[in-house]
Amino acid sequence: MGEIRARLATEARQITTTTWRRAGHRPARSRRRAEGACILTHCNAGALATAGYGTALGVIRAAAERGNGIEVFADETRPFLQGARLTAWELARDGIPTTVITDNMAGA
């Protein structure tokens, strides 16, 4: 039982450190550089909601690491905006400019 648990723990660490990072960089490589792009997110798809590098936020992080001057608008449904606030917190820690908005503001 101990060996199985150790192997599962090793696999989980691999997924959270390498696999998500690689997945985040793949779209950044396949698209032209999005200099000055504004990106809209909904809810949280970062490390807090998924693992390691994040899923959707992994792509944003990868673009920022490549030097693309991006800005993020994080939206969420009211009244608490919890997903947007978590997204903004994660991206602020990475130095990526983020503005929290409500989902009704996205069209404007």
N, C-alpha and C. Protein backbone atom coordinates (compact mmCIF):
# COMPACT_ATOMS: atom_id res chain seq x y z
N MET A 1 0.82 -1.20 0.00
CA MET A 1 0.00 0.00 0.00
C MET A 1 0.86 1.26 0.00
N GLY A 2 1.97 1.26 0.73
CA GLY A 2 2.85 2.42 0.81
C GLY A 2 3.48 2.76 -0.52
N GLU A 3 3.83 1.72 -1.30
CA GLU A 3 4.45 1.96 -2.61
C GLU A 3 3.45 2.58 -3.58
N ILE A 4 2.22 2.13 -3.55
CA ILE A 4 1.18 2.69 -4.42
C ILE A 4 0.94 4.15 -4.06
N ARG A 5 0.84 4.42 -2.78
CA ARG A 5 0.62 5.81 -2.33
C ARG A 5 1.77 6.71 -2.77
N ALA A 6 2.99 6.23 -2.66
CA ALA A 6 4.16 7.02 -3.08
C ALA A 6 4.14 7.28 -4.58
N ARG A 7 3.77 6.26 -5.36
CA ARG A 7 3.69 6.43 -6.81
C ARG A 7 2.60 7.42 -7.21
N LEU A 8 1.46 7.36 -6.52
CA LEU A 8 0.37 8.31 -6.78
C LEU A 8 0.79 9.74 -6.42
N ALA A 9 1.49 9.89 -5.32
CA ALA A 9 1.96 11.22 -4.91
C ALA A 9 2.95 11.78 -5.92
N THR A 10 3.84 10.92 -6.43
CA THR A 10 4.80 11.35 -7.45
C THR A 10 4.08 11.79 -8.72
N GLU A 11 3.09 11.03 -9.14
CA GLU A 11 2.31 11.37 -10.34
C GLU A 11 1.56 12.68 -10.14
N ALA A 12 0.98 12.88 -8.98
CA ALA A 12 0.24 14.13 -8.70
C ALA A 12 1.18 15.33 -8.75
N ARG A 13 2.38 15.20 -8.19
CA ARG A 13 3.37 16.29 -8.25
C ARG A 13 3.76 16.58 -9.70
N GLN A 14 3.92 15.54 -10.49
CA GLN A 14 4.27 15.70 -11.91
C GLN A 14 3.19 16.48 -12.65
N ILE A 15 1.94 16.14 -12.39
CA ILE A 15 0.83 16.82 -13.05
C ILE A 15 0.79 18.30 -12.65
N THR A 16 0.93 18.58 -11.37
CA THR A 16 0.79 19.96 -10.90
C THR A 16 1.98 20.83 -11.27
N THR A 17 3.15 20.26 -11.45
CA THR A 17 4.32 21.09 -11.75
C THR A 17 4.66 21.15 -13.22
N THR A 18 4.59 20.06 -13.92
CA THR A 18 5.06 20.03 -15.30
C THR A 18 3.92 20.00 -16.32
N THR A 19 2.97 19.13 -16.15
CA THR A 19 1.93 18.95 -17.16
C THR A 19 1.11 20.21 -17.36
N TRP A 20 0.64 20.84 -16.29
CA TRP A 20 -0.16 22.06 -16.43
C TRP A 20 0.66 23.19 -17.02
N ARG A 21 1.93 23.30 -16.64
CA ARG A 21 2.79 24.35 -17.20
C ARG A 21 2.95 24.15 -18.71
N ARG A 22 3.21 22.93 -19.11
CA ARG A 22 3.36 22.62 -20.54
C ARG A 22 2.06 22.92 -21.29
N ALA A 23 0.93 22.57 -20.70
CA ALA A 23 -0.37 22.83 -21.32
C ALA A 23 -0.62 24.33 -21.45
N GLY A 24 -0.18 25.11 -20.50
CA GLY A 24 -0.36 26.55 -20.57
C GLY A 24 0.49 27.19 -21.64
N HIS A 25 1.66 26.65 -21.90
CA HIS A 25 2.56 27.23 -22.90
C HIS A 25 2.19 26.80 -24.32
N ARG A 26 1.50 25.70 -24.49
CA ARG A 26 1.17 25.22 -25.84
C ARG A 26 0.36 26.23 -26.64
N PRO A 27 -0.76 26.78 -26.12
CA PRO A 27 -1.50 27.78 -26.91
C PRO A 27 -0.68 29.04 -27.15
N ALA A 28 0.15 29.43 -26.20
CA ALA A 28 0.96 30.63 -26.37
C ALA A 28 1.94 30.45 -27.53
N ARG A 29 2.42 29.25 -27.75
CA ARG A 29 3.34 28.98 -28.86
C ARG A 29 2.61 28.92 -30.20
N SER A 30 1.38 28.41 -30.18
CA SER A 30 0.68 28.18 -31.44
C SER A 30 -0.02 29.42 -31.98
N ARG A 31 -0.16 30.45 -31.20
CA ARG A 31 -0.82 31.68 -31.63
C ARG A 31 0.22 32.78 -31.86
N ARG A 32 -0.14 33.73 -32.70
CA ARG A 32 0.77 34.86 -32.87
C ARG A 32 0.79 35.65 -31.57
N ARG A 33 1.83 36.41 -31.39
CA ARG A 33 1.97 37.18 -30.16
C ARG A 33 0.80 38.14 -30.00
N ALA A 34 0.22 38.14 -28.84
CA ALA A 34 -0.94 38.99 -28.57
C ALA A 34 -0.49 40.22 -27.79
N GLU A 35 0.36 41.04 -28.41
CA GLU A 35 0.84 42.24 -27.73
C GLU A 35 -0.32 43.14 -27.37
N GLY A 36 -0.36 43.55 -26.13
CA GLY A 36 -1.37 44.49 -25.67
C GLY A 36 -2.78 43.92 -25.65
N ALA A 37 -2.93 42.61 -25.63
CA ALA A 37 -4.26 41.99 -25.66
C ALA A 37 -4.96 42.19 -24.32
N CYS A 38 -6.27 42.35 -24.40
CA CYS A 38 -7.13 42.36 -23.21
C CYS A 38 -7.86 41.02 -23.19
N ILE A 39 -7.76 40.32 -22.08
CA ILE A 39 -8.33 38.99 -21.96
C ILE A 39 -9.42 39.02 -20.90
N LEU A 40 -10.57 38.43 -21.21
CA LEU A 40 -11.68 38.35 -20.27
C LEU A 40 -11.73 36.93 -19.71
N THR A 41 -11.74 36.82 -18.39
CA THR A 41 -11.90 35.52 -17.75
C THR A 41 -13.24 35.50 -17.02
N HIS A 42 -13.75 34.32 -16.78
CA HIS A 42 -14.97 34.17 -15.99
C HIS A 42 -14.72 33.08 -14.97
N CYS A 43 -15.01 33.39 -13.72
CA CYS A 43 -14.78 32.49 -12.61
C CYS A 43 -13.27 32.31 -12.40
N ASN A 44 -12.84 31.24 -11.78
CA ASN A 44 -11.42 31.04 -11.52
C ASN A 44 -10.98 29.73 -12.13
N ALA A 45 -9.93 29.78 -12.93
CA ALA A 45 -9.34 28.57 -13.52
C ALA A 45 -7.84 28.61 -13.31
N GLY A 46 -7.45 29.07 -12.15
CA GLY A 46 -6.04 29.15 -11.81
C GLY A 46 -5.62 28.03 -10.89
N ALA A 47 -4.52 28.21 -10.24
CA ALA A 47 -3.96 27.18 -9.37
C ALA A 47 -4.88 26.86 -8.19
N LEU A 48 -5.61 27.86 -7.70
CA LEU A 48 -6.50 27.62 -6.57
C LEU A 48 -7.66 26.70 -6.93
N ALA A 49 -8.12 26.77 -8.17
CA ALA A 49 -9.27 25.96 -8.60
C ALA A 49 -8.85 24.64 -9.23
N THR A 50 -7.66 24.60 -9.81
CA THR A 50 -7.24 23.38 -10.51
C THR A 50 -6.00 22.82 -9.81
N ALA A 51 -4.85 23.10 -10.32
CA ALA A 51 -3.61 22.64 -9.69
C ALA A 51 -2.43 23.37 -10.31
N GLY A 52 -1.40 23.55 -9.54
CA GLY A 52 -0.14 24.09 -10.04
C GLY A 52 -0.24 25.39 -10.80
N TYR A 53 -0.08 25.34 -12.08
CA TYR A 53 -0.01 26.50 -12.97
C TYR A 53 -1.39 27.02 -13.35
N GLY A 54 -2.42 26.19 -13.19
CA GLY A 54 -3.77 26.56 -13.59
C GLY A 54 -4.06 26.12 -15.01
N THR A 55 -5.32 26.17 -15.40
CA THR A 55 -5.70 25.80 -16.76
C THR A 55 -5.77 27.06 -17.61
N ALA A 56 -6.89 27.78 -17.58
CA ALA A 56 -7.01 29.01 -18.37
C ALA A 56 -6.00 30.05 -17.92
N LEU A 57 -5.78 30.17 -16.61
CA LEU A 57 -4.78 31.14 -16.14
C LEU A 57 -3.37 30.69 -16.51
N GLY A 58 -3.19 29.41 -16.75
CA GLY A 58 -1.89 28.93 -17.22
C GLY A 58 -1.53 29.52 -18.57
N VAL A 59 -2.52 29.66 -19.44
CA VAL A 59 -2.29 30.26 -20.76
C VAL A 59 -1.95 31.74 -20.59
N ILE A 60 -2.66 32.41 -19.70
CA ILE A 60 -2.38 33.83 -19.43
C ILE A 60 -1.00 34.00 -18.84
N ARG A 61 -0.66 33.16 -17.88
CA ARG A 61 0.68 33.21 -17.27
C ARG A 61 1.77 32.97 -18.31
N ALA A 62 1.55 32.00 -19.19
CA ALA A 62 2.54 31.70 -20.23
C ALA A 62 2.73 32.89 -21.16
N ALA A 63 1.64 33.56 -21.55
CA ALA A 63 1.74 34.73 -22.42
C ALA A 63 2.51 35.84 -21.71
N ALA A 64 2.24 36.04 -20.43
CA ALA A 64 2.96 37.07 -19.67
C ALA A 64 4.43 36.72 -19.55
N GLU A 65 4.75 35.46 -19.34
CA GLU A 65 6.15 35.04 -19.24
C GLU A 65 6.89 35.25 -20.56
N ARG A 66 6.17 35.19 -21.67
CA ARG A 66 6.78 35.40 -22.98
C ARG A 66 6.97 36.89 -23.28
N GLY A 67 6.52 37.75 -22.36
CA GLY A 67 6.72 39.18 -22.54
C GLY A 67 5.59 39.90 -23.25
N ASN A 68 4.46 39.21 -23.44
CA ASN A 68 3.32 39.87 -24.07
C ASN A 68 2.72 40.85 -23.06
N GLY A 69 2.50 42.07 -23.47
CA GLY A 69 1.90 43.06 -22.60
C GLY A 69 0.40 42.88 -22.54
N ILE A 70 -0.07 41.99 -21.70
CA ILE A 70 -1.50 41.68 -21.65
C ILE A 70 -2.14 42.31 -20.42
N GLU A 71 -3.45 42.48 -20.50
CA GLU A 71 -4.24 42.96 -19.37
C GLU A 71 -5.45 42.04 -19.26
N VAL A 72 -5.87 41.76 -18.04
CA VAL A 72 -6.96 40.82 -17.81
C VAL A 72 -8.14 41.53 -17.14
N PHE A 73 -9.35 41.24 -17.65
CA PHE A 73 -10.57 41.64 -16.99
C PHE A 73 -11.18 40.36 -16.42
N ALA A 74 -11.28 40.30 -15.12
CA ALA A 74 -11.81 39.11 -14.45
C ALA A 74 -13.24 39.39 -14.05
N ASP A 75 -14.19 38.62 -14.60
CA ASP A 75 -15.58 38.86 -14.21
C ASP A 75 -16.17 37.66 -13.51
N GLU A 76 -17.28 37.91 -12.88
CA GLU A 76 -17.96 36.88 -12.11
C GLU A 76 -19.36 37.39 -11.81
N THR A 77 -20.26 36.48 -11.53
CA THR A 77 -21.62 36.88 -11.18
C THR A 77 -21.65 37.46 -9.77
N ARG A 78 -22.60 38.34 -9.56
CA ARG A 78 -22.75 38.97 -8.25
C ARG A 78 -23.55 38.06 -7.33
N PRO A 79 -23.52 38.21 -6.05
CA PRO A 79 -23.08 39.38 -5.30
C PRO A 79 -21.65 39.30 -4.77
N PHE A 80 -21.02 38.15 -4.81
CA PHE A 80 -19.74 38.03 -4.11
C PHE A 80 -18.49 38.13 -4.98
N LEU A 81 -18.60 37.88 -6.28
CA LEU A 81 -17.46 37.96 -7.20
C LEU A 81 -16.29 37.07 -6.78
N GLN A 82 -16.57 35.97 -6.10
CA GLN A 82 -15.49 35.17 -5.53
C GLN A 82 -14.51 34.64 -6.57
N GLY A 83 -14.99 34.17 -7.71
CA GLY A 83 -14.07 33.65 -8.73
C GLY A 83 -13.19 34.74 -9.30
N ALA A 84 -13.77 35.90 -9.54
CA ALA A 84 -13.00 37.02 -10.07
C ALA A 84 -11.98 37.51 -9.05
N ARG A 85 -12.37 37.54 -7.80
CA ARG A 85 -11.43 37.99 -6.76
C ARG A 85 -10.27 37.01 -6.61
N LEU A 86 -10.54 35.72 -6.69
CA LEU A 86 -9.46 34.73 -6.62
C LEU A 86 -8.53 34.85 -7.84
N THR A 87 -9.13 35.04 -9.02
CA THR A 87 -8.34 35.23 -10.23
C THR A 87 -7.45 36.46 -10.10
N ALA A 88 -8.04 37.57 -9.67
CA ALA A 88 -7.28 38.81 -9.52
C ALA A 88 -6.15 38.64 -8.51
N TRP A 89 -6.41 37.94 -7.43
CA TRP A 89 -5.38 37.71 -6.41
C TRP A 89 -4.22 36.91 -7.00
N GLU A 90 -4.55 35.83 -7.73
CA GLU A 90 -3.49 35.01 -8.34
C GLU A 90 -2.67 35.82 -9.34
N LEU A 91 -3.35 36.55 -10.21
CA LEU A 91 -2.63 37.29 -11.25
C LEU A 91 -1.84 38.46 -10.67
N ALA A 92 -2.36 39.10 -9.64
CA ALA A 92 -1.62 40.19 -8.98
C ALA A 92 -0.31 39.67 -8.41
N ARG A 93 -0.33 38.47 -7.86
CA ARG A 93 0.90 37.87 -7.34
C ARG A 93 1.92 37.62 -8.44
N ASP A 94 1.44 37.44 -9.68
CA ASP A 94 2.32 37.24 -10.83
C ASP A 94 2.66 38.55 -11.53
N GLY A 95 2.13 39.67 -11.04
CA GLY A 95 2.41 40.96 -11.65
C GLY A 95 1.68 41.21 -12.97
N ILE A 96 0.57 40.53 -13.18
CA ILE A 96 -0.21 40.69 -14.41
C ILE A 96 -1.36 41.64 -14.12
N PRO A 97 -1.46 42.77 -14.86
CA PRO A 97 -2.52 43.75 -14.61
C PRO A 97 -3.91 43.14 -14.76
N THR A 98 -4.74 43.31 -13.73
CA THR A 98 -6.07 42.70 -13.71
C THR A 98 -7.09 43.69 -13.14
N THR A 99 -8.25 43.75 -13.77
CA THR A 99 -9.36 44.57 -13.31
C THR A 99 -10.54 43.65 -13.04
N VAL A 100 -11.13 43.74 -11.85
CA VAL A 100 -12.30 42.93 -11.51
C VAL A 100 -13.55 43.68 -11.95
N ILE A 101 -14.43 42.97 -12.69
CA ILE A 101 -15.70 43.54 -13.13
C ILE A 101 -16.80 42.54 -12.88
N THR A 102 -18.07 43.01 -12.90
CA THR A 102 -19.19 42.09 -12.83
C THR A 102 -19.46 41.54 -14.22
N ASP A 103 -20.15 40.44 -14.30
CA ASP A 103 -20.41 39.84 -15.61
C ASP A 103 -21.23 40.76 -16.51
N ASN A 104 -22.09 41.61 -15.93
CA ASN A 104 -22.89 42.54 -16.73
C ASN A 104 -22.05 43.65 -17.36
N MET A 105 -20.86 43.87 -16.88
CA MET A 105 -20.00 44.92 -17.42
C MET A 105 -19.19 44.45 -18.63
N ALA A 106 -19.15 43.17 -18.89
CA ALA A 106 -18.29 42.62 -19.93
C ALA A 106 -18.61 43.17 -21.32
N GLY A 107 -19.87 43.39 -21.61
CA GLY A 107 -20.27 43.90 -22.92
C GLY A 107 -19.78 45.32 -23.18
N ALA A 108 -19.69 46.08 -22.12
CA ALA A 108 -19.25 47.48 -22.26
C ALA A 108 -17.75 47.53 -22.48
